[in-house]
Amino acid sequence: MQKVLDSADRRILREMQRDSSRSVAQLAEAVGLSHAPCWRRLQRLRADGFIVRESAILERSKLGWEVELFVSIKVSPIGRANIEEFRRSMMLHNRVIGYYIVLGNVDAMFHIVARNLADYNQFYLEHLAASPYISEISTMTILSQLKDTDIPV
């Protein structure tokens, strides 16, 4: 049975998406609760699985990852026969920061980062084009990110 969230729970979740590094006191102030009830609600939201994990959002370009790409692929017959092996092999690459199985005229979409286009070209040749699991590849370079929002709560 799905737990019912009230407006205070939703405020906590919105604020946690904005900045989960704040103390409980700061969070409580932001959502209009006192410390103890906010802490209890936060613990319950974590225990009930509404908050899966907390992480830092890094500035990729400061770490040398200058290029972001979306790569759509169609899986080959060999890939379909070995789908778990294919999935594991693609998830091992540190340049693959997102991996999605999709509906439509492609089978999967990867979100990839690279240091530059030459770096992506090397990754493409060594890991995508050389893969017996992939039959078609289409790459789209991200020029700018216009929107990246939190999940509606």
N, C-alpha and C. Protein backbone atom coordinates (compact mmCIF):
# COMPACT_ATOMS: atom_id res chain seq x y z
N MET A 1 0.84 -1.18 0.00
CA MET A 1 0.00 0.00 0.00
C MET A 1 0.89 1.25 0.00
N GLN A 2 0.57 2.18 -0.88
CA GLN A 2 1.33 3.43 -1.00
C GLN A 2 1.04 4.33 0.21
N LYS A 3 2.09 4.83 0.84
CA LYS A 3 1.94 5.75 1.96
C LYS A 3 1.42 7.08 1.44
N VAL A 4 0.55 7.72 2.22
CA VAL A 4 0.01 9.02 1.85
C VAL A 4 0.93 10.10 2.39
N LEU A 5 1.29 11.01 1.51
CA LEU A 5 2.14 12.13 1.92
C LEU A 5 1.27 13.35 2.15
N ASP A 6 1.49 14.02 3.26
CA ASP A 6 0.77 15.27 3.48
C ASP A 6 1.62 16.44 2.97
N SER A 7 1.13 17.65 3.13
CA SER A 7 1.83 18.81 2.56
C SER A 7 3.19 19.04 3.24
N ALA A 8 3.31 18.72 4.52
CA ALA A 8 4.61 18.89 5.20
C ALA A 8 5.64 17.91 4.64
N ASP A 9 5.21 16.65 4.41
CA ASP A 9 6.11 15.66 3.81
C ASP A 9 6.58 16.14 2.44
N ARG A 10 5.65 16.66 1.66
CA ARG A 10 5.99 17.14 0.31
C ARG A 10 6.95 18.33 0.37
N ARG A 11 6.76 19.21 1.33
CA ARG A 11 7.69 20.34 1.49
C ARG A 11 9.09 19.83 1.84
N ILE A 12 9.15 18.85 2.72
CA ILE A 12 10.45 18.27 3.08
C ILE A 12 11.13 17.66 1.86
N LEU A 13 10.38 16.91 1.08
CA LEU A 13 10.96 16.28 -0.12
C LEU A 13 11.44 17.33 -1.12
N ARG A 14 10.65 18.39 -1.32
CA ARG A 14 11.09 19.46 -2.25
C ARG A 14 12.38 20.10 -1.76
N GLU A 15 12.44 20.40 -0.47
CA GLU A 15 13.64 21.04 0.07
C GLU A 15 14.84 20.10 0.03
N MET A 16 14.62 18.82 0.27
CA MET A 16 15.73 17.85 0.19
C MET A 16 16.28 17.76 -1.22
N GLN A 17 15.41 17.87 -2.23
CA GLN A 17 15.89 17.85 -3.61
C GLN A 17 16.71 19.10 -3.91
N ARG A 18 16.33 20.22 -3.32
CA ARG A 18 17.07 21.46 -3.56
C ARG A 18 18.45 21.43 -2.93
N ASP A 19 18.51 20.94 -1.65
CA ASP A 19 19.80 20.90 -0.97
C ASP A 19 19.70 19.95 0.22
N SER A 20 20.20 18.75 0.04
CA SER A 20 20.10 17.75 1.11
C SER A 20 21.25 17.86 2.12
N SER A 21 22.14 18.80 1.92
CA SER A 21 23.27 18.93 2.83
C SER A 21 22.94 19.76 4.06
N ARG A 22 21.78 20.38 4.09
CA ARG A 22 21.41 21.22 5.23
C ARG A 22 21.17 20.39 6.49
N SER A 23 21.37 21.01 7.61
CA SER A 23 21.07 20.36 8.89
C SER A 23 19.56 20.21 9.04
N VAL A 24 19.15 19.35 9.96
CA VAL A 24 17.72 19.19 10.21
C VAL A 24 17.12 20.50 10.69
N ALA A 25 17.85 21.26 11.48
CA ALA A 25 17.36 22.56 11.96
C ALA A 25 17.10 23.51 10.78
N GLN A 26 18.03 23.55 9.82
CA GLN A 26 17.85 24.40 8.65
C GLN A 26 16.68 23.91 7.80
N LEU A 27 16.58 22.60 7.64
CA LEU A 27 15.48 22.03 6.87
C LEU A 27 14.15 22.34 7.54
N ALA A 28 14.09 22.16 8.86
CA ALA A 28 12.86 22.42 9.61
C ALA A 28 12.41 23.87 9.43
N GLU A 29 13.37 24.78 9.50
CA GLU A 29 13.03 26.20 9.29
C GLU A 29 12.50 26.44 7.89
N ALA A 30 13.11 25.82 6.90
CA ALA A 30 12.69 26.01 5.51
C ALA A 30 11.28 25.48 5.24
N VAL A 31 10.89 24.43 5.95
CA VAL A 31 9.56 23.84 5.70
C VAL A 31 8.52 24.25 6.72
N GLY A 32 8.91 25.05 7.73
CA GLY A 32 7.95 25.55 8.70
C GLY A 32 7.56 24.55 9.77
N LEU A 33 8.50 23.72 10.19
CA LEU A 33 8.26 22.76 11.27
C LEU A 33 9.31 22.97 12.35
N SER A 34 9.04 22.45 13.53
CA SER A 34 10.08 22.46 14.55
C SER A 34 11.02 21.28 14.32
N HIS A 35 12.15 21.29 14.99
CA HIS A 35 13.21 20.32 14.74
C HIS A 35 12.76 18.87 14.89
N ALA A 36 12.17 18.50 16.01
CA ALA A 36 11.83 17.09 16.28
C ALA A 36 10.83 16.52 15.28
N PRO A 37 9.70 17.20 14.99
CA PRO A 37 8.78 16.64 14.00
C PRO A 37 9.40 16.53 12.60
N CYS A 38 10.23 17.50 12.26
CA CYS A 38 10.89 17.45 10.95
C CYS A 38 11.83 16.24 10.90
N TRP A 39 12.60 16.03 11.96
CA TRP A 39 13.53 14.89 12.01
C TRP A 39 12.77 13.58 11.90
N ARG A 40 11.66 13.43 12.63
CA ARG A 40 10.86 12.20 12.59
C ARG A 40 10.31 11.96 11.18
N ARG A 41 9.79 12.99 10.58
CA ARG A 41 9.25 12.87 9.22
C ARG A 41 10.35 12.49 8.23
N LEU A 42 11.51 13.12 8.35
CA LEU A 42 12.63 12.83 7.47
C LEU A 42 13.06 11.37 7.63
N GLN A 43 13.13 10.89 8.86
CA GLN A 43 13.49 9.49 9.11
C GLN A 43 12.45 8.55 8.49
N ARG A 44 11.17 8.89 8.63
CA ARG A 44 10.11 8.06 8.05
C ARG A 44 10.17 8.07 6.52
N LEU A 45 10.42 9.22 5.93
CA LEU A 45 10.53 9.30 4.47
C LEU A 45 11.69 8.46 3.95
N ARG A 46 12.77 8.43 4.69
CA ARG A 46 13.91 7.57 4.32
C ARG A 46 13.55 6.10 4.50
N ALA A 47 12.97 5.76 5.66
CA ALA A 47 12.63 4.35 5.94
C ALA A 47 11.59 3.81 4.97
N ASP A 48 10.65 4.66 4.55
CA ASP A 48 9.59 4.23 3.63
C ASP A 48 10.04 4.23 2.17
N GLY A 49 11.29 4.64 1.92
CA GLY A 49 11.83 4.56 0.56
C GLY A 49 11.52 5.74 -0.34
N PHE A 50 10.97 6.83 0.21
CA PHE A 50 10.74 8.02 -0.62
C PHE A 50 12.06 8.70 -0.95
N ILE A 51 13.00 8.67 -0.02
CA ILE A 51 14.34 9.19 -0.26
C ILE A 51 15.24 7.96 -0.46
N VAL A 52 15.66 7.77 -1.68
CA VAL A 52 16.44 6.59 -2.03
C VAL A 52 17.90 6.77 -1.64
N ARG A 53 18.46 7.94 -1.97
CA ARG A 53 19.84 8.24 -1.61
C ARG A 53 20.04 9.74 -1.71
N GLU A 54 21.11 10.20 -1.11
CA GLU A 54 21.48 11.62 -1.18
C GLU A 54 22.86 11.68 -1.80
N SER A 55 23.06 12.65 -2.70
CA SER A 55 24.35 12.73 -3.36
C SER A 55 24.69 14.17 -3.69
N ALA A 56 25.95 14.39 -4.01
CA ALA A 56 26.42 15.71 -4.42
C ALA A 56 26.30 15.82 -5.94
N ILE A 57 25.90 16.98 -6.40
CA ILE A 57 25.86 17.25 -7.84
C ILE A 57 27.15 17.98 -8.18
N LEU A 58 27.94 17.36 -9.03
CA LEU A 58 29.26 17.89 -9.36
C LEU A 58 29.22 18.71 -10.64
N GLU A 59 30.09 19.69 -10.74
CA GLU A 59 30.24 20.48 -11.96
C GLU A 59 31.18 19.71 -12.87
N ARG A 60 30.61 19.05 -13.88
CA ARG A 60 31.39 18.16 -14.74
C ARG A 60 32.55 18.86 -15.43
N SER A 61 32.31 20.06 -15.92
CA SER A 61 33.37 20.75 -16.67
C SER A 61 34.58 21.05 -15.79
N LYS A 62 34.38 21.31 -14.51
CA LYS A 62 35.52 21.56 -13.60
C LYS A 62 36.34 20.30 -13.40
N LEU A 63 35.73 19.14 -13.64
CA LEU A 63 36.43 17.87 -13.49
C LEU A 63 37.00 17.38 -14.83
N GLY A 64 36.87 18.22 -15.87
CA GLY A 64 37.45 17.87 -17.16
C GLY A 64 36.52 17.18 -18.13
N TRP A 65 35.26 17.02 -17.78
CA TRP A 65 34.28 16.39 -18.67
C TRP A 65 33.56 17.49 -19.44
N GLU A 66 34.10 17.84 -20.60
CA GLU A 66 33.63 18.99 -21.37
C GLU A 66 32.49 18.67 -22.33
N VAL A 67 32.31 17.39 -22.67
CA VAL A 67 31.31 17.02 -23.68
C VAL A 67 30.31 16.05 -23.07
N GLU A 68 29.02 16.32 -23.32
CA GLU A 68 27.96 15.40 -22.92
C GLU A 68 27.21 14.98 -24.17
N LEU A 69 26.85 13.71 -24.21
CA LEU A 69 26.18 13.18 -25.39
C LEU A 69 25.05 12.25 -24.98
N PHE A 70 24.04 12.17 -25.85
CA PHE A 70 23.04 11.13 -25.76
C PHE A 70 23.30 10.18 -26.92
N VAL A 71 23.41 8.91 -26.62
CA VAL A 71 23.68 7.92 -27.65
C VAL A 71 22.55 6.90 -27.63
N SER A 72 21.84 6.78 -28.75
CA SER A 72 20.79 5.77 -28.84
C SER A 72 21.33 4.59 -29.62
N ILE A 73 20.93 3.40 -29.21
CA ILE A 73 21.43 2.19 -29.87
C ILE A 73 20.29 1.21 -30.12
N LYS A 74 20.50 0.41 -31.13
CA LYS A 74 19.67 -0.77 -31.35
C LYS A 74 20.55 -1.97 -31.04
N VAL A 75 19.98 -2.91 -30.34
CA VAL A 75 20.71 -4.10 -29.94
C VAL A 75 20.70 -5.11 -31.08
N SER A 76 21.84 -5.75 -31.32
CA SER A 76 21.97 -6.77 -32.36
C SER A 76 21.33 -8.08 -31.90
N PRO A 77 21.12 -9.03 -32.81
CA PRO A 77 20.62 -10.34 -32.39
C PRO A 77 21.53 -11.01 -31.34
N ILE A 78 22.84 -10.83 -31.48
CA ILE A 78 23.77 -11.37 -30.48
C ILE A 78 23.54 -10.69 -29.13
N GLY A 79 23.31 -9.38 -29.18
CA GLY A 79 23.05 -8.63 -27.95
C GLY A 79 21.77 -9.08 -27.28
N ARG A 80 20.73 -9.35 -28.08
CA ARG A 80 19.46 -9.83 -27.50
C ARG A 80 19.64 -11.18 -26.84
N ALA A 81 20.45 -12.03 -27.44
CA ALA A 81 20.68 -13.36 -26.88
C ALA A 81 21.52 -13.30 -25.61
N ASN A 82 22.27 -12.21 -25.43
CA ASN A 82 23.15 -12.05 -24.26
C ASN A 82 22.86 -10.73 -23.55
N ILE A 83 21.58 -10.43 -23.35
CA ILE A 83 21.19 -9.10 -22.88
C ILE A 83 21.78 -8.74 -21.52
N GLU A 84 21.84 -9.68 -20.60
CA GLU A 84 22.41 -9.37 -19.28
C GLU A 84 23.90 -9.07 -19.37
N GLU A 85 24.61 -9.83 -20.16
CA GLU A 85 26.05 -9.57 -20.36
C GLU A 85 26.26 -8.20 -20.99
N PHE A 86 25.44 -7.87 -21.98
CA PHE A 86 25.52 -6.56 -22.64
C PHE A 86 25.27 -5.44 -21.63
N ARG A 87 24.20 -5.57 -20.85
CA ARG A 87 23.88 -4.54 -19.85
C ARG A 87 25.04 -4.35 -18.87
N ARG A 88 25.57 -5.44 -18.36
CA ARG A 88 26.69 -5.35 -17.41
C ARG A 88 27.90 -4.69 -18.06
N SER A 89 28.19 -5.06 -19.30
CA SER A 89 29.37 -4.50 -19.96
C SER A 89 29.25 -3.00 -20.15
N MET A 90 28.07 -2.51 -20.47
CA MET A 90 27.90 -1.07 -20.68
C MET A 90 27.89 -0.30 -19.37
N MET A 91 27.40 -0.92 -18.32
CA MET A 91 27.34 -0.23 -17.03
C MET A 91 28.71 -0.10 -16.37
N LEU A 92 29.69 -0.85 -16.85
CA LEU A 92 31.05 -0.78 -16.30
C LEU A 92 31.80 0.48 -16.70
N HIS A 93 31.40 1.12 -17.79
CA HIS A 93 32.14 2.27 -18.31
C HIS A 93 31.86 3.52 -17.49
N ASN A 94 32.92 4.19 -17.03
CA ASN A 94 32.71 5.39 -16.22
C ASN A 94 32.18 6.56 -17.04
N ARG A 95 32.30 6.51 -18.35
CA ARG A 95 31.78 7.58 -19.19
C ARG A 95 30.26 7.47 -19.37
N VAL A 96 29.70 6.31 -19.12
CA VAL A 96 28.25 6.11 -19.22
C VAL A 96 27.66 6.51 -17.87
N ILE A 97 27.06 7.71 -17.81
CA ILE A 97 26.52 8.20 -16.54
C ILE A 97 25.01 7.97 -16.45
N GLY A 98 24.39 7.57 -17.53
CA GLY A 98 22.98 7.22 -17.54
C GLY A 98 22.75 6.13 -18.56
N TYR A 99 21.93 5.17 -18.22
CA TYR A 99 21.66 4.04 -19.11
C TYR A 99 20.18 3.73 -19.00
N TYR A 100 19.45 3.87 -20.10
CA TYR A 100 18.00 3.75 -20.09
C TYR A 100 17.54 2.77 -21.15
N ILE A 101 16.66 1.87 -20.78
CA ILE A 101 15.96 1.03 -21.75
C ILE A 101 14.73 1.82 -22.16
N VAL A 102 14.50 1.97 -23.45
CA VAL A 102 13.42 2.84 -23.93
C VAL A 102 12.48 2.10 -24.87
N LEU A 103 11.30 2.65 -25.02
CA LEU A 103 10.34 2.17 -26.00
C LEU A 103 10.48 3.04 -27.24
N GLY A 104 10.24 2.47 -28.40
CA GLY A 104 10.32 3.24 -29.63
C GLY A 104 11.18 2.53 -30.65
N ASN A 105 11.80 3.31 -31.53
CA ASN A 105 12.57 2.70 -32.62
C ASN A 105 14.02 2.41 -32.25
N VAL A 106 14.40 2.62 -30.99
CA VAL A 106 15.71 2.21 -30.48
C VAL A 106 15.48 1.39 -29.21
N ASP A 107 16.51 0.70 -28.78
CA ASP A 107 16.39 -0.17 -27.60
C ASP A 107 16.89 0.47 -26.31
N ALA A 108 17.91 1.30 -26.44
CA ALA A 108 18.51 1.90 -25.24
C ALA A 108 19.05 3.27 -25.56
N MET A 109 19.21 4.07 -24.49
CA MET A 109 19.77 5.41 -24.61
C MET A 109 20.82 5.53 -23.52
N PHE A 110 21.98 6.02 -23.90
CA PHE A 110 23.06 6.26 -22.95
C PHE A 110 23.29 7.76 -22.82
N HIS A 111 23.56 8.21 -21.61
CA HIS A 111 24.02 9.57 -21.36
C HIS A 111 25.50 9.41 -21.07
N ILE A 112 26.32 10.02 -21.92
CA ILE A 112 27.76 9.81 -21.87
C ILE A 112 28.48 11.14 -21.68
N VAL A 113 29.56 11.10 -20.91
CA VAL A 113 30.44 12.27 -20.79
C VAL A 113 31.80 11.91 -21.37
N ALA A 114 32.45 12.92 -21.90
CA ALA A 114 33.79 12.73 -22.47
C ALA A 114 34.60 13.99 -22.20
N ARG A 115 35.90 13.83 -22.21
CA ARG A 115 36.78 14.98 -21.97
C ARG A 115 36.71 15.97 -23.14
N ASN A 116 36.61 15.42 -24.35
CA ASN A 116 36.50 16.21 -25.58
C ASN A 116 36.00 15.28 -26.68
N LEU A 117 35.88 15.77 -27.88
CA LEU A 117 35.37 14.92 -28.97
C LEU A 117 36.34 13.79 -29.32
N ALA A 118 37.62 14.04 -29.22
CA ALA A 118 38.59 12.97 -29.49
C ALA A 118 38.45 11.85 -28.46
N ASP A 119 38.21 12.22 -27.22
CA ASP A 119 38.00 11.23 -26.16
C ASP A 119 36.74 10.41 -26.44
N TYR A 120 35.66 11.08 -26.87
CA TYR A 120 34.44 10.34 -27.21
C TYR A 120 34.68 9.45 -28.42
N ASN A 121 35.41 9.95 -29.40
CA ASN A 121 35.70 9.14 -30.59
C ASN A 121 36.41 7.85 -30.20
N GLN A 122 37.36 7.93 -29.29
CA GLN A 122 38.07 6.74 -28.83
C GLN A 122 37.10 5.79 -28.13
N PHE A 123 36.24 6.32 -27.24
CA PHE A 123 35.24 5.50 -26.56
C PHE A 123 34.29 4.86 -27.58
N TYR A 124 33.86 5.65 -28.54
CA TYR A 124 32.95 5.17 -29.58
C TYR A 124 33.58 3.99 -30.34
N LEU A 125 34.80 4.18 -30.79
CA LEU A 125 35.46 3.13 -31.58
C LEU A 125 35.75 1.88 -30.77
N GLU A 126 36.22 2.05 -29.54
CA GLU A 126 36.62 0.90 -28.72
C GLU A 126 35.46 0.17 -28.07
N HIS A 127 34.39 0.90 -27.70
CA HIS A 127 33.35 0.27 -26.90
C HIS A 127 31.98 0.19 -27.56
N LEU A 128 31.67 1.11 -28.44
CA LEU A 128 30.36 1.07 -29.08
C LEU A 128 30.44 0.41 -30.44
N ALA A 129 31.22 0.99 -31.34
CA ALA A 129 31.31 0.45 -32.70
C ALA A 129 31.89 -0.95 -32.72
N ALA A 130 32.74 -1.28 -31.79
CA ALA A 130 33.38 -2.60 -31.75
C ALA A 130 32.52 -3.65 -31.06
N SER A 131 31.40 -3.24 -30.49
CA SER A 131 30.57 -4.18 -29.73
C SER A 131 29.73 -5.06 -30.64
N PRO A 132 29.81 -6.37 -30.48
CA PRO A 132 28.95 -7.26 -31.27
C PRO A 132 27.50 -7.19 -30.81
N TYR A 133 27.25 -6.53 -29.68
CA TYR A 133 25.91 -6.44 -29.12
C TYR A 133 25.09 -5.30 -29.72
N ILE A 134 25.74 -4.39 -30.44
CA ILE A 134 25.07 -3.20 -30.96
C ILE A 134 25.01 -3.28 -32.49
N SER A 135 23.81 -3.03 -33.04
CA SER A 135 23.68 -3.04 -34.50
C SER A 135 23.60 -1.64 -35.09
N GLU A 136 23.06 -0.68 -34.35
CA GLU A 136 22.96 0.71 -34.84
C GLU A 136 23.26 1.67 -33.70
N ILE A 137 23.93 2.78 -34.05
CA ILE A 137 24.31 3.80 -33.06
C ILE A 137 23.98 5.17 -33.63
N SER A 138 23.38 6.01 -32.80
CA SER A 138 23.12 7.39 -33.18
C SER A 138 23.54 8.28 -32.01
N THR A 139 24.40 9.26 -32.29
CA THR A 139 24.94 10.12 -31.25
C THR A 139 24.44 11.54 -31.42
N MET A 140 24.00 12.13 -30.31
CA MET A 140 23.58 13.54 -30.28
C MET A 140 24.43 14.24 -29.23
N THR A 141 25.08 15.33 -29.62
CA THR A 141 25.90 16.10 -28.70
C THR A 141 25.03 17.15 -28.02
N ILE A 142 25.15 17.25 -26.70
CA ILE A 142 24.39 18.24 -25.95
C ILE A 142 25.15 19.56 -26.03
N LEU A 143 24.50 20.58 -26.58
CA LEU A 143 25.12 21.89 -26.68
C LEU A 143 24.94 22.69 -25.40
N SER A 144 23.73 22.68 -24.85
CA SER A 144 23.49 23.37 -23.59
C SER A 144 22.30 22.74 -22.89
N GLN A 145 22.30 22.85 -21.60
CA GLN A 145 21.22 22.30 -20.78
C GLN A 145 20.30 23.44 -20.41
N LEU A 146 19.06 23.37 -20.86
CA LEU A 146 18.12 24.44 -20.61
C LEU A 146 17.26 24.19 -19.38
N LYS A 147 17.04 22.92 -19.07
CA LYS A 147 16.22 22.59 -17.91
C LYS A 147 16.63 21.24 -17.36
N ASP A 148 16.77 21.18 -16.06
CA ASP A 148 17.04 19.93 -15.35
C ASP A 148 16.39 20.12 -13.98
N THR A 149 15.18 19.63 -13.84
CA THR A 149 14.42 19.93 -12.64
C THR A 149 14.30 18.74 -11.71
N ASP A 150 13.83 19.05 -10.53
CA ASP A 150 13.55 18.03 -9.54
C ASP A 150 12.27 17.30 -9.92
N ILE A 151 12.05 16.16 -9.31
CA ILE A 151 10.82 15.40 -9.50
C ILE A 151 9.69 16.17 -8.82
N PRO A 152 8.55 16.32 -9.48
CA PRO A 152 7.43 17.03 -8.84
C PRO A 152 6.99 16.31 -7.58
N VAL A 153 6.81 17.06 -6.51
CA VAL A 153 6.36 16.49 -5.25
C VAL A 153 5.11 17.20 -4.81
